[in-house]
Amino acid sequence: MNVQEYVSEVSSRLALRTSVVYAFAASLVTNVVLAAGIASIERQERIIVLPAETTKSFWLDNKTVSADYLEQMSIFALQLALNNSPETFDYNVKKLLSYVAPEDRGETELQLVSQGRRLKASNASVHFMPESVEVRPAQLQAAVTGSIRQFIGNSKTSSMRKCWIVQFSYLGSRLWINTIQESDCRKPFEALSEDHKGEPS
């Protein structure tokens, strides 16, 4: 091998090594940019959901939920709790309890079972019609106003306008129901005392 060939080969190898270094550097920069982009997307992730029996779409992220979500879930919860007959009660209670926070499930079940016994004993059915919803997103609360109609057979025995507070908690990207309480329609975010529950508003 003469000197010229040797110099040419060395130059070729240096050029190849330089190309490899540049390619590696470009790949490294690309990976860093992609990683930063993915991290940014994860921090800003917002999920659009449309659960059963809803009339609006809404969003939730890793910190909070939209006001529409609270509105729809409060109506959904009250329909399960209040739209009942002896035939549908057990199914509705089971479904509702799957949305109740584990730490509140026992007490909620006791209240619902007591309600179901009264329905079955009188062979009554109850129909709930929501009229309006007021939401406090920061407190994860919704105040729902609606009318309750009670029937025995085909005869309507009562019709009352009532209000309820639904308190939620948000944990693990899931909205849980904590409590459903009857409230004062004049102050919809204040629960009624036991002495005033059941009175028309």
C-alpha atoms as a PDB file:
ATOM      1  CA  MET A   1       0.000   0.000   0.000  1.00  0.00           C
ATOM      2  CA  ASN A   2       1.508   3.326  -1.021  1.00  0.00           C
ATOM      3  CA  VAL A   3       1.219   6.518   0.961  1.00  0.00           C
ATOM      4  CA  GLN A   4      -1.520   7.975  -1.219  1.00  0.00           C
ATOM      5  CA  GLU A   5      -3.730   4.899  -0.808  1.00  0.00           C
ATOM      6  CA  TYR A   6      -3.074   4.890   2.942  1.00  0.00           C
ATOM      7  CA  VAL A   7      -4.025   8.553   3.286  1.00  0.00           C
ATOM      8  CA  SER A   8      -7.150   7.964   1.192  1.00  0.00           C
ATOM      9  CA  GLU A   9      -8.228   5.010   3.372  1.00  0.00           C
ATOM     10  CA  VAL A  10      -7.626   6.948   6.586  1.00  0.00           C
ATOM     11  CA  SER A  11      -9.639   9.867   5.228  1.00  0.00           C
ATOM     12  CA  SER A  12     -12.505   7.546   4.275  1.00  0.00           C
ATOM     13  CA  ARG A  13     -12.561   5.995   7.743  1.00  0.00           C
ATOM     14  CA  LEU A  14     -12.476   9.396   9.417  1.00  0.00           C
ATOM     15  CA  ALA A  15     -15.345  10.557   7.235  1.00  0.00           C
ATOM     16  CA  LEU A  16     -17.337   7.405   8.097  1.00  0.00           C
ATOM     17  CA  ARG A  17     -16.670   7.864  11.815  1.00  0.00           C
ATOM     18  CA  THR A  18     -17.737  11.498  11.612  1.00  0.00           C
ATOM     19  CA  SER A  19     -20.959  10.477   9.859  1.00  0.00           C
ATOM     20  CA  VAL A  20     -21.688   7.888  12.558  1.00  0.00           C
ATOM     21  CA  VAL A  21     -21.039  10.440  15.311  1.00  0.00           C
ATOM     22  CA  TYR A  22     -23.369  12.956  13.667  1.00  0.00           C
ATOM     23  CA  ALA A  23     -26.056  10.312  13.168  1.00  0.00           C
ATOM     24  CA  PHE A  24     -25.790   9.241  16.810  1.00  0.00           C
ATOM     25  CA  ALA A  25     -25.991  12.855  17.971  1.00  0.00           C
ATOM     26  CA  ALA A  26     -29.046  13.477  15.802  1.00  0.00           C
ATOM     27  CA  SER A  27     -30.700  10.321  17.150  1.00  0.00           C
ATOM     28  CA  LEU A  28     -29.954  11.380  20.716  1.00  0.00           C
ATOM     29  CA  VAL A  29     -31.449  14.829  20.161  1.00  0.00           C
ATOM     30  CA  THR A  30     -34.538  13.290  18.550  1.00  0.00           C
ATOM     31  CA  ASN A  31     -35.034  10.928  21.497  1.00  0.00           C
ATOM     32  CA  VAL A  32     -34.709  13.780  23.983  1.00  0.00           C
ATOM     33  CA  VAL A  33     -37.268  15.856  22.066  1.00  0.00           C
ATOM     34  CA  LEU A  34     -39.679  12.903  21.873  1.00  0.00           C
ATOM     35  CA  ALA A  35     -39.298  12.160  25.580  1.00  0.00           C
ATOM     36  CA  ALA A  36     -39.990  15.784  26.449  1.00  0.00           C
ATOM     37  CA  GLY A  37     -43.020  15.783  24.182  1.00  0.00           C
ATOM     38  CA  ILE A  38     -44.425  12.611  25.725  1.00  0.00           C
ATOM     39  CA  ALA A  39     -43.889  13.959  29.237  1.00  0.00           C
ATOM     40  CA  SER A  40     -45.675  17.161  28.270  1.00  0.00           C
ATOM     41  CA  ILE A  41     -48.601  15.228  26.804  1.00  0.00           C
ATOM     42  CA  GLU A  42     -48.915  13.121  29.959  1.00  0.00           C
ATOM     43  CA  ARG A  43     -49.020  16.229  32.140  1.00  0.00           C
ATOM     44  CA  GLN A  44     -51.706  17.815  29.967  1.00  0.00           C
ATOM     45  CA  GLU A  45     -53.761  14.704  29.318  1.00  0.00           C
ATOM     46  CA  ARG A  46     -57.494  15.296  29.318  1.00  0.00           C
ATOM     47  CA  ILE A  47     -59.890  12.422  28.783  1.00  0.00           C
ATOM     48  CA  ILE A  48     -63.217  12.911  27.045  1.00  0.00           C
ATOM     49  CA  VAL A  49     -65.780  10.462  28.407  1.00  0.00           C
ATOM     50  CA  LEU A  50     -69.409   9.677  27.739  1.00  0.00           C
ATOM     51  CA  PRO A  51     -70.796   7.261  30.355  1.00  0.00           C
ATOM     52  CA  ALA A  52     -74.126   5.486  30.303  1.00  0.00           C
ATOM     53  CA  GLU A  53     -77.342   7.506  30.409  1.00  0.00           C
ATOM     54  CA  THR A  54     -75.792  10.910  29.868  1.00  0.00           C
ATOM     55  CA  THR A  55     -76.847  13.745  27.604  1.00  0.00           C
ATOM     56  CA  LYS A  56     -73.582  15.714  27.514  1.00  0.00           C
ATOM     57  CA  SER A  57     -69.935  14.991  26.892  1.00  0.00           C
ATOM     58  CA  PHE A  58     -67.460  16.171  29.481  1.00  0.00           C
ATOM     59  CA  TRP A  59     -63.808  15.938  30.461  1.00  0.00           C
ATOM     60  CA  LEU A  60     -61.654  14.865  33.354  1.00  0.00           C
ATOM     61  CA  ASP A  61     -57.911  15.037  33.932  1.00  0.00           C
ATOM     62  CA  ASN A  62     -55.543  13.946  36.679  1.00  0.00           C
ATOM     63  CA  LYS A  63     -56.619  16.769  39.016  1.00  0.00           C
ATOM     64  CA  THR A  64     -60.260  17.618  38.501  1.00  0.00           C
ATOM     65  CA  VAL A  65     -63.426  17.116  36.449  1.00  0.00           C
ATOM     66  CA  SER A  66     -65.654  19.432  34.467  1.00  0.00           C
ATOM     67  CA  ALA A  67     -68.850  20.969  35.834  1.00  0.00           C
ATOM     68  CA  ASP A  68     -70.806  19.024  33.207  1.00  0.00           C
ATOM     69  CA  TYR A  69     -69.431  15.769  34.606  1.00  0.00           C
ATOM     70  CA  LEU A  70     -70.657  16.654  38.116  1.00  0.00           C
ATOM     71  CA  GLU A  71     -74.040  17.667  36.731  1.00  0.00           C
ATOM     72  CA  GLN A  72     -74.552  14.472  34.766  1.00  0.00           C
ATOM     73  CA  MET A  73     -73.264  12.152  37.475  1.00  0.00           C
ATOM     74  CA  SER A  74     -75.448  13.760  40.146  1.00  0.00           C
ATOM     75  CA  ILE A  75     -78.573  13.265  38.020  1.00  0.00           C
ATOM     76  CA  PHE A  76     -77.491   9.711  37.202  1.00  0.00           C
ATOM     77  CA  ALA A  77     -76.989   8.922  40.911  1.00  0.00           C
ATOM     78  CA  LEU A  78     -80.345  10.373  41.929  1.00  0.00           C
ATOM     79  CA  GLN A  79     -82.182   8.522  39.194  1.00  0.00           C
ATOM     80  CA  LEU A  80     -80.776   5.264  40.534  1.00  0.00           C
ATOM     81  CA  ALA A  81     -81.565   6.230  44.128  1.00  0.00           C
ATOM     82  CA  LEU A  82     -85.036   7.665  43.566  1.00  0.00           C
ATOM     83  CA  ASN A  83     -86.559   6.094  40.438  1.00  0.00           C
ATOM     84  CA  ASN A  84     -87.645   2.863  42.045  1.00  0.00           C
ATOM     85  CA  SER A  85     -90.308   0.215  42.344  1.00  0.00           C
ATOM     86  CA  PRO A  86     -90.298  -3.111  44.214  1.00  0.00           C
ATOM     87  CA  GLU A  87     -89.197  -4.777  40.959  1.00  0.00           C
ATOM     88  CA  THR A  88     -86.333  -2.436  40.050  1.00  0.00           C
ATOM     89  CA  PHE A  89     -85.035  -1.483  43.486  1.00  0.00           C
ATOM     90  CA  ASP A  90     -82.469  -4.255  44.033  1.00  0.00           C
ATOM     91  CA  TYR A  91     -80.870  -3.773  40.607  1.00  0.00           C
ATOM     92  CA  ASN A  92     -80.701   0.017  40.981  1.00  0.00           C
ATOM     93  CA  VAL A  93     -79.142  -0.206  44.443  1.00  0.00           C
ATOM     94  CA  LYS A  94     -76.470  -2.624  43.240  1.00  0.00           C
ATOM     95  CA  LYS A  95     -75.631  -0.355  40.316  1.00  0.00           C
ATOM     96  CA  LEU A  96     -75.571   2.802  42.449  1.00  0.00           C
ATOM     97  CA  LEU A  97     -73.312   1.253  45.083  1.00  0.00           C
ATOM     98  CA  SER A  98     -70.687   0.523  42.415  1.00  0.00           C
ATOM     99  CA  TYR A  99     -70.249   4.316  42.105  1.00  0.00           C
ATOM    100  CA  VAL A 100     -70.121   4.981  45.867  1.00  0.00           C
ATOM    101  CA  ALA A 101     -66.727   5.459  47.533  1.00  0.00           C
ATOM    102  CA  PRO A 102     -65.706   2.270  49.388  1.00  0.00           C
ATOM    103  CA  GLU A 103     -65.523   4.052  52.757  1.00  0.00           C
ATOM    104  CA  ASP A 104     -69.123   5.327  52.370  1.00  0.00           C
ATOM    105  CA  ARG A 105     -70.650   2.229  50.804  1.00  0.00           C
ATOM    106  CA  GLY A 106     -71.810   0.564  54.028  1.00  0.00           C
ATOM    107  CA  GLU A 107     -73.763   3.535  55.371  1.00  0.00           C
ATOM    108  CA  THR A 108     -75.249   4.315  51.950  1.00  0.00           C
ATOM    109  CA  GLU A 109     -76.394   0.718  51.535  1.00  0.00           C
ATOM    110  CA  LEU A 110     -78.146   0.771  54.927  1.00  0.00           C
ATOM    111  CA  GLN A 111     -80.058   3.920  53.971  1.00  0.00           C
ATOM    112  CA  LEU A 112     -81.073   2.507  50.596  1.00  0.00           C
ATOM    113  CA  VAL A 113     -82.138  -0.850  52.025  1.00  0.00           C
ATOM    114  CA  SER A 114     -84.367   0.947  54.538  1.00  0.00           C
ATOM    115  CA  GLN A 115     -85.948   2.896  51.675  1.00  0.00           C
ATOM    116  CA  GLY A 116     -86.466  -0.318  49.706  1.00  0.00           C
ATOM    117  CA  ARG A 117     -88.220  -2.046  52.592  1.00  0.00           C
ATOM    118  CA  ARG A 118     -90.746   0.779  52.816  1.00  0.00           C
ATOM    119  CA  LEU A 119     -91.387   0.626  49.066  1.00  0.00           C
ATOM    120  CA  LYS A 120     -91.893  -3.120  49.084  1.00  0.00           C
ATOM    121  CA  ALA A 121     -94.062  -3.076  52.200  1.00  0.00           C
ATOM    122  CA  SER A 122     -96.488  -0.590  50.634  1.00  0.00           C
ATOM    123  CA  ASN A 123     -96.062  -1.901  47.073  1.00  0.00           C
ATOM    124  CA  ALA A 124     -95.242   1.668  46.051  1.00  0.00           C
ATOM    125  CA  SER A 125     -93.146   3.119  43.271  1.00  0.00           C
ATOM    126  CA  VAL A 126     -91.352   6.465  43.159  1.00  0.00           C
ATOM    127  CA  HIS A 127     -90.578   8.569  40.109  1.00  0.00           C
ATOM    128  CA  PHE A 128     -87.976  11.352  40.126  1.00  0.00           C
ATOM    129  CA  MET A 129     -87.956  14.170  37.576  1.00  0.00           C
ATOM    130  CA  PRO A 130     -84.913  16.511  37.730  1.00  0.00           C
ATOM    131  CA  GLU A 131     -85.621  20.181  37.098  1.00  0.00           C
ATOM    132  CA  SER A 132     -82.347  22.016  37.704  1.00  0.00           C
ATOM    133  CA  VAL A 133     -78.759  21.435  38.827  1.00  0.00           C
ATOM    134  CA  GLU A 134     -76.340  23.838  40.484  1.00  0.00           C
ATOM    135  CA  VAL A 135     -72.687  22.800  40.638  1.00  0.00           C
ATOM    136  CA  ARG A 136     -69.697  23.742  42.784  1.00  0.00           C
ATOM    137  CA  PRO A 137     -66.751  22.225  40.901  1.00  0.00           C
ATOM    138  CA  ALA A 138     -64.112  23.210  43.465  1.00  0.00           C
ATOM    139  CA  GLN A 139     -66.030  21.427  46.235  1.00  0.00           C
ATOM    140  CA  LEU A 140     -67.097  18.531  43.962  1.00  0.00           C
ATOM    141  CA  GLN A 141     -70.729  19.167  44.893  1.00  0.00           C
ATOM    142  CA  ALA A 142     -73.970  19.304  42.959  1.00  0.00           C
ATOM    143  CA  ALA A 143     -77.353  20.531  44.210  1.00  0.00           C
ATOM    144  CA  VAL A 144     -80.262  19.008  42.299  1.00  0.00           C
ATOM    145  CA  THR A 145     -83.863  20.209  42.368  1.00  0.00           C
ATOM    146  CA  GLY A 146     -86.644  17.958  41.138  1.00  0.00           C
ATOM    147  CA  SER A 147     -90.084  16.565  41.748  1.00  0.00           C
ATOM    148  CA  ILE A 148     -90.826  13.266  43.438  1.00  0.00           C
ATOM    149  CA  ARG A 149     -94.044  11.457  42.586  1.00  0.00           C
ATOM    150  CA  GLN A 150     -95.184   8.435  44.539  1.00  0.00           C
ATOM    151  CA  PHE A 151     -97.603   5.855  43.177  1.00  0.00           C
ATOM    152  CA  ILE A 152     -99.418   2.899  44.669  1.00  0.00           C
ATOM    153  CA  GLY A 153    -100.535   0.810  41.752  1.00  0.00           C
ATOM    154  CA  ASN A 154    -101.624   3.277  39.073  1.00  0.00           C
ATOM    155  CA  SER A 155    -102.745   5.918  41.550  1.00  0.00           C
ATOM    156  CA  LYS A 156    -100.546   8.908  42.310  1.00  0.00           C
ATOM    157  CA  THR A 157    -100.511   9.431  46.056  1.00  0.00           C
ATOM    158  CA  SER A 158     -98.151  12.403  46.352  1.00  0.00           C
ATOM    159  CA  SER A 159     -96.071  14.868  44.379  1.00  0.00           C
ATOM    160  CA  MET A 160     -93.435  17.048  46.040  1.00  0.00           C
ATOM    161  CA  ARG A 161     -90.676  19.365  44.940  1.00  0.00           C
ATOM    162  CA  LYS A 162     -87.420  18.456  46.698  1.00  0.00           C
ATOM    163  CA  CYS A 163     -83.708  19.170  46.593  1.00  0.00           C
ATOM    164  CA  TRP A 164     -80.608  17.050  47.170  1.00  0.00           C
ATOM    165  CA  ILE A 165     -76.884  17.559  47.581  1.00  0.00           C
ATOM    166  CA  VAL A 166     -74.586  15.009  45.980  1.00  0.00           C
ATOM    167  CA  GLN A 167     -71.051  15.095  47.378  1.00  0.00           C
ATOM    168  CA  PHE A 168     -68.271  13.544  45.314  1.00  0.00           C
ATOM    169  CA  SER A 169     -64.586  12.788  45.728  1.00  0.00           C
ATOM    170  CA  TYR A 170     -62.024  12.365  42.953  1.00  0.00           C
ATOM    171  CA  LEU A 171     -59.348   9.745  43.399  1.00  0.00           C
ATOM    172  CA  GLY A 172     -57.298   7.747  40.921  1.00  0.00           C
ATOM    173  CA  SER A 173     -58.913   9.481  37.924  1.00  0.00           C
ATOM    174  CA  ARG A 174     -62.312   8.284  39.128  1.00  0.00           C
ATOM    175  CA  LEU A 175     -65.239  10.271  40.491  1.00  0.00           C
ATOM    176  CA  TRP A 176     -66.802   8.631  43.552  1.00  0.00           C
ATOM    177  CA  ILE A 177     -70.111   9.403  45.243  1.00  0.00           C
ATOM    178  CA  ASN A 178     -69.701  10.086  48.966  1.00  0.00           C
ATOM    179  CA  THR A 179     -73.157  11.140  50.100  1.00  0.00           C
ATOM    180  CA  ILE A 180     -76.626  11.922  48.764  1.00  0.00           C
ATOM    181  CA  GLN A 181     -78.537  14.158  51.174  1.00  0.00           C
ATOM    182  CA  GLU A 182     -81.860  15.918  51.034  1.00  0.00           C
ATOM    183  CA  SER A 183     -81.335  19.688  51.224  1.00  0.00           C
ATOM    184  CA  ASP A 184     -83.216  22.921  51.800  1.00  0.00           C
ATOM    185  CA  CYS A 185     -84.330  24.209  48.388  1.00  0.00           C
ATOM    186  CA  ARG A 186     -83.936  27.781  49.653  1.00  0.00           C
ATOM    187  CA  LYS A 187     -80.308  26.967  50.515  1.00  0.00           C
ATOM    188  CA  PRO A 188     -79.607  24.055  48.171  1.00  0.00           C
ATOM    189  CA  PHE A 189     -76.117  23.298  49.488  1.00  0.00           C
ATOM    190  CA  GLU A 190     -77.305  22.927  53.092  1.00  0.00           C
ATOM    191  CA  ALA A 191     -78.510  19.497  54.195  1.00  0.00           C
ATOM    192  CA  LEU A 192     -81.874  19.227  55.927  1.00  0.00           C
ATOM    193  CA  SER A 193     -82.046  18.082  59.520  1.00  0.00           C
ATOM    194  CA  GLU A 194     -83.756  14.758  60.207  1.00  0.00           C
ATOM    195  CA  ASP A 195     -86.816  16.628  61.581  1.00  0.00           C
ATOM    196  CA  HIS A 196     -87.467  18.368  58.245  1.00  0.00           C
ATOM    197  CA  LYS A 197     -86.777  15.550  55.797  1.00  0.00           C
ATOM    198  CA  GLY A 198     -89.759  14.500  53.731  1.00  0.00           C
ATOM    199  CA  GLU A 199     -91.470  17.884  53.960  1.00  0.00           C
ATOM    200  CA  PRO A 200     -92.433  19.568  50.673  1.00  0.00           C
ATOM    201  CA  SER A 201     -90.234  22.501  49.641  1.00  0.00           C
END
